[in-house]
Amino acid sequence: MKKILRWLGIGFGSLIGLLIVALAVLYGMGQARLNKKYDVPVTMVSIPTDAESLAEGKRIFQYRGCEACHGEDLQGLVYLDNPAIGQVITPNLTSGKGGKGNQLTDEDLIRAIKHGIREDGTPLLFMPSTEFYFLSDKDLGNVLAYIKSMPPVDNEIAPSKLSTAGFIVMNVAKTISFLPAELIPHDQTPPPAPEPGVTAEYGAYLSQSCMVCHGPTYSGGKITGFPDEWPAAPNLTSGLGSRLPGWGEDGFITIMRTGENHGRKINPSYMPWTSYRHMSDDELKAVYTYLMSLPPKAFGNR
């Protein structure tokens, strides 16, 4: 009996040792990815200073979800604090105490927005640059103008960081984009943005962020890597289980404006309609046109 217990102890100890080694390897892999340096030249854009452009830059900043992450005053926020991943913390973009407004050049801002890369060349955690990579020069210039126009706000805030579990998830769950810079073709010129209009092409340009939750096919389902309490994303195609065709264009615009349609309310903590409500009617019509043009998919067929 003692011999059996001894061998069981050895086996258990070996398993613990292997687990520790595996964790150390995953942690090391994560650190290597976080510390990788990218040498990415950026294309400068014209940054306007007129009031109309600043107002448009603010509106784009809002409907693209930037305000939801960085705050109404661009002061930075703790966007997510989950032990399974870590802390997603957005920086203070103003020139106030703790802010980066006086530290970042225009080139630094463009590299961060379109490539997901810090001024030191390392990749930003969770910065959704896979969406912003496609921003037109005009939209990007307006956004930069708005950011640079904001008054200073004092807010000293820590950078995003991964938990131990986050380092594991980062290297195991390949469907979660912890470092969007890894997915961007930095050496290629982004395709030209379509002309604004009520077209499927312009709707696709405006709805890049929808894929984060609704998946590459827009068919919805459980969102990989998100907290368990988050509901599954709805199907945005016209396939089985989709409410979109029943809403119609007018209903879609109503729910994007108010978060409610026919008594059904949408929690803005999960679906950021409070950002999308800043789109114009024609922009929302373009998004609806694009979604209805997608191949029908059954719910969750991501």
Protein backbone atom coordinates (compact mmCIF):
# COMPACT_ATOMS: atom_id res chain seq x y z
CA MET A 1 0.00 0.00 0.00
CA LYS A 2 2.82 2.37 0.88
CA LYS A 3 4.43 1.62 -2.47
CA ILE A 4 1.19 2.48 -4.32
CA LEU A 5 0.79 5.72 -2.39
CA ARG A 6 4.40 6.58 -3.10
CA TRP A 7 3.93 6.10 -6.84
CA LEU A 8 0.67 8.08 -6.73
CA GLY A 9 2.55 10.88 -5.00
CA ILE A 10 5.29 10.82 -7.60
CA GLY A 11 2.71 10.86 -10.40
CA PHE A 12 0.79 13.74 -8.83
CA GLY A 13 3.99 15.68 -8.25
CA SER A 14 5.01 15.13 -11.87
CA LEU A 15 1.66 16.43 -13.09
CA ILE A 16 2.01 19.54 -10.93
CA GLY A 17 5.52 20.05 -12.27
CA LEU A 18 4.34 19.71 -15.88
CA LEU A 19 1.54 22.15 -15.18
CA ILE A 20 3.95 24.71 -13.75
CA VAL A 21 6.25 24.29 -16.76
CA ALA A 22 3.29 24.69 -19.16
CA LEU A 23 2.15 27.84 -17.36
CA ALA A 24 5.66 29.25 -17.46
CA VAL A 25 5.91 28.53 -21.20
CA LEU A 26 2.54 30.18 -21.90
CA TYR A 27 3.49 33.18 -19.78
CA GLY A 28 6.80 33.49 -21.61
CA MET A 29 5.06 33.24 -24.99
CA GLY A 30 2.66 35.99 -23.94
CA GLN A 31 5.46 38.25 -22.78
CA ALA A 32 7.32 37.72 -26.04
CA ARG A 33 4.24 38.77 -28.00
CA LEU A 34 3.68 41.80 -25.77
CA ASN A 35 7.28 42.95 -26.12
CA LYS A 36 7.64 42.38 -29.86
CA LYS A 37 8.72 45.53 -31.69
CA TYR A 38 7.00 46.58 -34.92
CA ASP A 39 8.65 49.01 -37.31
CA VAL A 40 5.65 50.48 -39.09
CA PRO A 41 5.92 53.71 -41.09
CA VAL A 42 2.65 55.59 -41.23
CA THR A 43 1.00 57.72 -43.86
CA MET A 44 0.25 61.17 -42.54
CA VAL A 45 -3.14 62.74 -43.11
CA SER A 46 -4.37 66.30 -43.23
CA ILE A 47 -5.70 67.45 -39.85
CA PRO A 48 -8.30 70.22 -40.15
CA THR A 49 -8.97 72.93 -37.61
CA ASP A 50 -12.39 74.30 -38.61
CA ALA A 51 -15.40 73.90 -36.33
CA GLU A 52 -17.35 71.71 -38.76
CA SER A 53 -14.52 69.19 -39.01
CA LEU A 54 -14.08 69.11 -35.22
CA ALA A 55 -17.80 68.43 -34.78
CA GLU A 56 -17.64 65.65 -37.36
CA GLY A 57 -14.55 64.23 -35.66
CA LYS A 58 -16.45 64.10 -32.37
CA ARG A 59 -19.38 62.33 -34.03
CA ILE A 60 -17.11 59.73 -35.62
CA PHE A 61 -15.31 59.29 -32.28
CA GLN A 62 -18.70 58.61 -30.73
CA TYR A 63 -20.25 56.23 -33.25
CA ARG A 64 -17.02 54.29 -33.73
CA GLY A 65 -17.14 53.48 -29.99
CA CYS A 66 -14.04 55.49 -29.03
CA GLU A 67 -15.95 57.59 -26.51
CA ALA A 68 -17.44 54.49 -24.90
CA CYS A 69 -13.89 53.26 -24.24
CA HIS A 70 -12.01 56.48 -23.48
CA GLY A 71 -14.78 58.47 -21.79
CA GLU A 72 -16.74 61.58 -22.74
CA ASP A 73 -13.77 63.79 -21.83
CA LEU A 74 -11.17 61.35 -23.24
CA GLN A 75 -9.94 60.92 -19.67
CA GLY A 76 -9.50 57.13 -19.87
CA LEU A 77 -11.52 54.40 -18.20
CA VAL A 78 -11.28 50.97 -16.62
CA TYR A 79 -13.33 49.37 -19.38
CA LEU A 80 -13.17 45.77 -18.15
CA ASP A 81 -11.88 44.18 -14.95
CA ASN A 82 -12.19 40.41 -15.15
CA PRO A 83 -9.86 37.93 -13.40
CA ALA A 84 -10.16 35.56 -16.35
CA ILE A 85 -8.55 38.13 -18.64
CA GLY A 86 -7.19 41.06 -16.66
CA GLN A 87 -7.85 44.76 -16.81
CA VAL A 88 -8.71 46.57 -20.02
CA ILE A 89 -7.82 50.20 -19.27
CA THR A 90 -7.92 52.96 -21.86
CA PRO A 91 -5.39 55.82 -21.63
CA ASN A 92 -6.10 59.45 -20.91
CA LEU A 93 -5.78 61.09 -24.34
CA THR A 94 -5.76 64.68 -23.06
CA SER A 95 -2.80 66.83 -22.04
CA GLY A 96 -3.84 66.80 -18.37
CA LYS A 97 -1.95 65.10 -15.55
CA GLY A 98 -1.58 61.43 -16.39
CA GLY A 99 -2.57 62.10 -20.01
CA LYS A 100 -0.69 61.32 -23.20
CA GLY A 101 -1.80 64.39 -25.14
CA ASN A 102 1.56 66.14 -24.80
CA GLN A 103 3.57 62.96 -25.33
CA LEU A 104 2.12 61.60 -28.57
CA THR A 105 2.93 63.07 -31.96
CA ASP A 106 0.41 62.97 -34.80
CA GLU A 107 2.41 60.06 -36.19
CA ASP A 108 2.16 58.24 -32.85
CA LEU A 109 -1.61 58.69 -32.78
CA ILE A 110 -2.04 57.40 -36.33
CA ARG A 111 0.14 54.38 -35.59
CA ALA A 112 -1.90 53.59 -32.48
CA ILE A 113 -5.27 54.07 -34.15
CA LYS A 114 -4.65 52.32 -37.48
CA HIS A 115 -1.98 49.80 -36.49
CA GLY A 116 -2.51 49.12 -32.79
CA ILE A 117 1.10 49.98 -31.96
CA ARG A 118 2.53 52.15 -29.18
CA GLU A 119 5.06 54.89 -29.73
CA ASP A 120 7.82 52.48 -28.62
CA GLY A 121 6.84 49.95 -31.30
CA THR A 122 5.18 47.38 -29.03
CA PRO A 123 1.57 46.25 -29.65
CA LEU A 124 -1.37 47.71 -27.75
CA LEU A 125 -3.59 45.37 -25.79
CA PHE A 126 -7.20 45.20 -27.02
CA MET A 127 -7.00 48.33 -29.18
CA PRO A 128 -9.49 47.54 -32.00
CA SER A 129 -7.23 48.71 -34.80
CA THR A 130 -8.41 45.91 -37.07
CA GLU A 131 -11.48 48.13 -37.51
CA PHE A 132 -9.75 51.51 -37.60
CA TYR A 133 -7.17 50.28 -40.13
CA PHE A 134 -9.87 50.88 -42.76
CA LEU A 135 -10.67 54.47 -41.73
CA SER A 136 -10.58 56.93 -44.60
CA ASP A 137 -7.99 59.70 -44.47
CA LYS A 138 -10.76 62.26 -44.09
CA ASP A 139 -12.43 60.46 -41.17
CA LEU A 140 -9.08 59.85 -39.49
CA GLY A 141 -8.07 63.49 -39.90
CA ASN A 142 -11.34 64.66 -38.35
CA VAL A 143 -10.92 62.29 -35.41
CA LEU A 144 -7.35 63.46 -34.81
CA ALA A 145 -8.51 67.07 -34.94
CA TYR A 146 -11.15 66.34 -32.30
CA ILE A 147 -8.71 64.50 -30.00
CA LYS A 148 -6.16 67.34 -30.22
CA SER A 149 -8.84 69.96 -29.49
CA MET A 150 -9.95 68.48 -26.17
CA PRO A 151 -9.10 70.38 -22.96
CA PRO A 152 -6.78 68.78 -20.39
CA VAL A 153 -8.25 66.41 -17.82
CA ASP A 154 -6.23 65.21 -14.83
CA ASN A 155 -6.57 61.45 -14.56
CA GLU A 156 -3.60 59.24 -13.77
CA ILE A 157 -4.54 55.78 -14.89
CA ALA A 158 -2.63 52.50 -15.14
CA PRO A 159 -2.16 50.70 -18.47
CA SER A 160 -4.07 47.55 -19.43
CA LYS A 161 -2.65 44.34 -18.00
CA LEU A 162 -3.30 40.63 -18.28
CA SER A 163 -3.99 38.33 -15.37
CA THR A 164 -2.21 34.98 -15.12
CA ALA A 165 -5.30 33.35 -16.60
CA GLY A 166 -5.26 36.02 -19.30
CA PHE A 167 -1.78 34.98 -20.43
CA ILE A 168 -3.06 31.41 -20.78
CA VAL A 169 -6.20 32.43 -22.69
CA MET A 170 -4.13 34.74 -24.88
CA ASN A 171 -2.05 31.83 -26.16
CA VAL A 172 -4.73 29.14 -26.20
CA ALA A 173 -7.88 30.87 -27.49
CA LYS A 174 -6.81 31.85 -30.99
CA THR A 175 -10.22 33.35 -31.79
CA ILE A 176 -9.69 36.22 -29.30
CA SER A 177 -7.67 39.18 -30.56
CA PHE A 178 -5.67 40.31 -27.53
CA LEU A 179 -3.16 42.03 -29.80
CA PRO A 180 -4.90 43.27 -32.95
CA ALA A 181 -1.54 44.47 -34.30
CA GLU A 182 -0.77 40.82 -35.05
CA LEU A 183 -3.69 40.66 -37.49
CA ILE A 184 -3.07 43.84 -39.48
CA PRO A 185 -1.16 43.77 -42.82
CA HIS A 186 1.08 46.67 -41.84
CA ASP A 187 3.04 46.57 -45.09
CA GLN A 188 -0.06 46.95 -47.26
CA THR A 189 -2.04 50.04 -48.15
CA PRO A 190 -5.62 49.81 -46.87
CA PRO A 191 -8.27 49.66 -49.58
CA PRO A 192 -9.86 53.01 -50.37
CA ALA A 193 -12.95 53.78 -48.32
CA PRO A 194 -16.20 53.84 -50.30
CA GLU A 195 -17.99 57.06 -50.97
CA PRO A 196 -20.63 57.91 -48.34
CA GLY A 197 -24.11 56.89 -49.40
CA VAL A 198 -26.94 54.45 -48.75
CA THR A 199 -25.04 51.52 -50.20
CA ALA A 200 -24.00 48.10 -48.98
CA GLU A 201 -20.36 49.05 -49.55
CA TYR A 202 -20.56 52.07 -47.28
CA GLY A 203 -22.55 50.03 -44.75
CA ALA A 204 -19.73 47.48 -44.64
CA TYR A 205 -17.25 50.32 -43.97
CA LEU A 206 -19.38 51.59 -41.09
CA SER A 207 -20.06 48.21 -39.49
CA GLN A 208 -16.53 46.83 -39.03
CA SER A 209 -16.93 46.89 -35.24
CA CYS A 210 -20.03 44.66 -35.36
CA MET A 211 -17.86 41.62 -36.14
CA VAL A 212 -16.26 41.78 -32.69
CA CYS A 213 -19.44 40.48 -31.08
CA HIS A 214 -21.51 39.14 -33.98
CA GLY A 215 -18.68 37.24 -35.64
CA PRO A 216 -17.11 37.38 -39.12
CA THR A 217 -20.37 36.13 -40.69
CA TYR A 218 -22.54 38.41 -38.51
CA SER A 219 -24.60 35.39 -37.46
CA GLY A 220 -24.08 35.96 -33.73
CA GLY A 221 -23.76 33.34 -31.01
CA LYS A 222 -21.69 33.08 -27.85
CA ILE A 223 -18.86 35.60 -27.83
CA THR A 224 -15.58 33.79 -27.27
CA GLY A 225 -13.54 35.13 -24.38
CA PHE A 226 -16.21 37.46 -23.03
CA PRO A 227 -17.48 37.07 -19.44
CA ASP A 228 -20.05 34.32 -18.89
CA GLU A 229 -22.74 36.82 -17.95
CA TRP A 230 -22.64 38.36 -21.42
CA PRO A 231 -25.55 37.23 -23.58
CA ALA A 232 -25.03 35.66 -26.97
CA ALA A 233 -24.93 38.14 -29.83
CA PRO A 234 -28.01 38.10 -32.10
CA ASN A 235 -27.96 37.01 -35.72
CA LEU A 236 -27.56 40.07 -37.97
CA THR A 237 -28.05 38.22 -41.24
CA SER A 238 -31.47 37.41 -42.63
CA GLY A 239 -30.99 33.75 -41.70
CA LEU A 240 -32.81 31.53 -39.22
CA GLY A 241 -33.31 33.14 -35.82
CA SER A 242 -32.77 36.72 -37.01
CA ARG A 243 -35.11 39.53 -35.97
CA LEU A 244 -33.57 41.94 -38.45
CA PRO A 245 -35.90 41.34 -41.43
CA GLY A 246 -38.92 41.79 -39.16
CA TRP A 247 -37.64 45.10 -37.85
CA GLY A 248 -37.34 46.59 -41.29
CA GLU A 249 -35.23 49.64 -42.03
CA ASP A 250 -37.33 51.99 -39.90
CA GLY A 251 -37.37 49.58 -36.97
CA PHE A 252 -33.61 49.11 -37.20
CA ILE A 253 -33.06 52.88 -37.09
CA THR A 254 -35.43 53.19 -34.13
CA ILE A 255 -33.63 50.56 -32.08
CA MET A 256 -30.22 52.07 -32.90
CA ARG A 257 -31.49 55.47 -31.79
CA THR A 258 -33.43 54.51 -28.66
CA GLY A 259 -32.38 50.97 -27.74
CA GLU A 260 -36.02 49.91 -27.88
CA ASN A 261 -38.38 48.51 -30.49
CA HIS A 262 -41.88 47.11 -29.90
CA GLY A 263 -41.25 46.98 -26.17
CA ARG A 264 -37.94 45.15 -26.48
CA LYS A 265 -35.10 46.98 -24.73
CA ILE A 266 -31.42 46.52 -25.40
CA ASN A 267 -28.93 46.80 -22.56
CA PRO A 268 -26.27 49.32 -23.68
CA SER A 269 -23.71 47.52 -21.50
CA TYR A 270 -23.82 44.65 -24.01
CA MET A 271 -24.95 46.31 -27.23
CA PRO A 272 -23.47 49.83 -27.63
CA TRP A 273 -26.45 51.46 -29.33
CA THR A 274 -25.60 54.59 -27.34
CA SER A 275 -22.58 54.89 -29.66
CA TYR A 276 -24.38 54.01 -32.90
CA ARG A 277 -27.19 56.48 -32.23
CA HIS A 278 -24.77 59.19 -33.33
CA MET A 279 -24.89 57.88 -36.90
CA SER A 280 -27.02 59.78 -39.38
CA ASP A 281 -30.18 58.23 -40.84
CA ASP A 282 -28.40 57.59 -44.14
CA GLU A 283 -25.49 55.90 -42.33
CA LEU A 284 -27.85 53.61 -40.45
CA LYS A 285 -29.72 52.88 -43.69
CA ALA A 286 -26.40 51.94 -45.28
CA VAL A 287 -25.61 49.56 -42.40
CA TYR A 288 -29.06 47.96 -42.69
CA THR A 289 -28.62 47.63 -46.47
CA TYR A 290 -25.30 45.90 -45.93
CA LEU A 291 -26.60 43.51 -43.27
CA MET A 292 -29.56 42.53 -45.44
CA SER A 293 -27.18 41.87 -48.34
CA LEU A 294 -25.21 39.28 -46.35
CA PRO A 295 -25.68 35.58 -47.09
CA PRO A 296 -28.32 34.19 -44.70
CA LYS A 297 -26.73 32.22 -41.87
CA ALA A 298 -28.30 30.22 -39.07
CA PHE A 299 -27.79 31.68 -35.60
CA GLY A 300 -24.33 31.09 -34.19
CA ASN A 301 -22.76 29.93 -37.46
CA ARG A 302 -19.75 32.16 -36.90
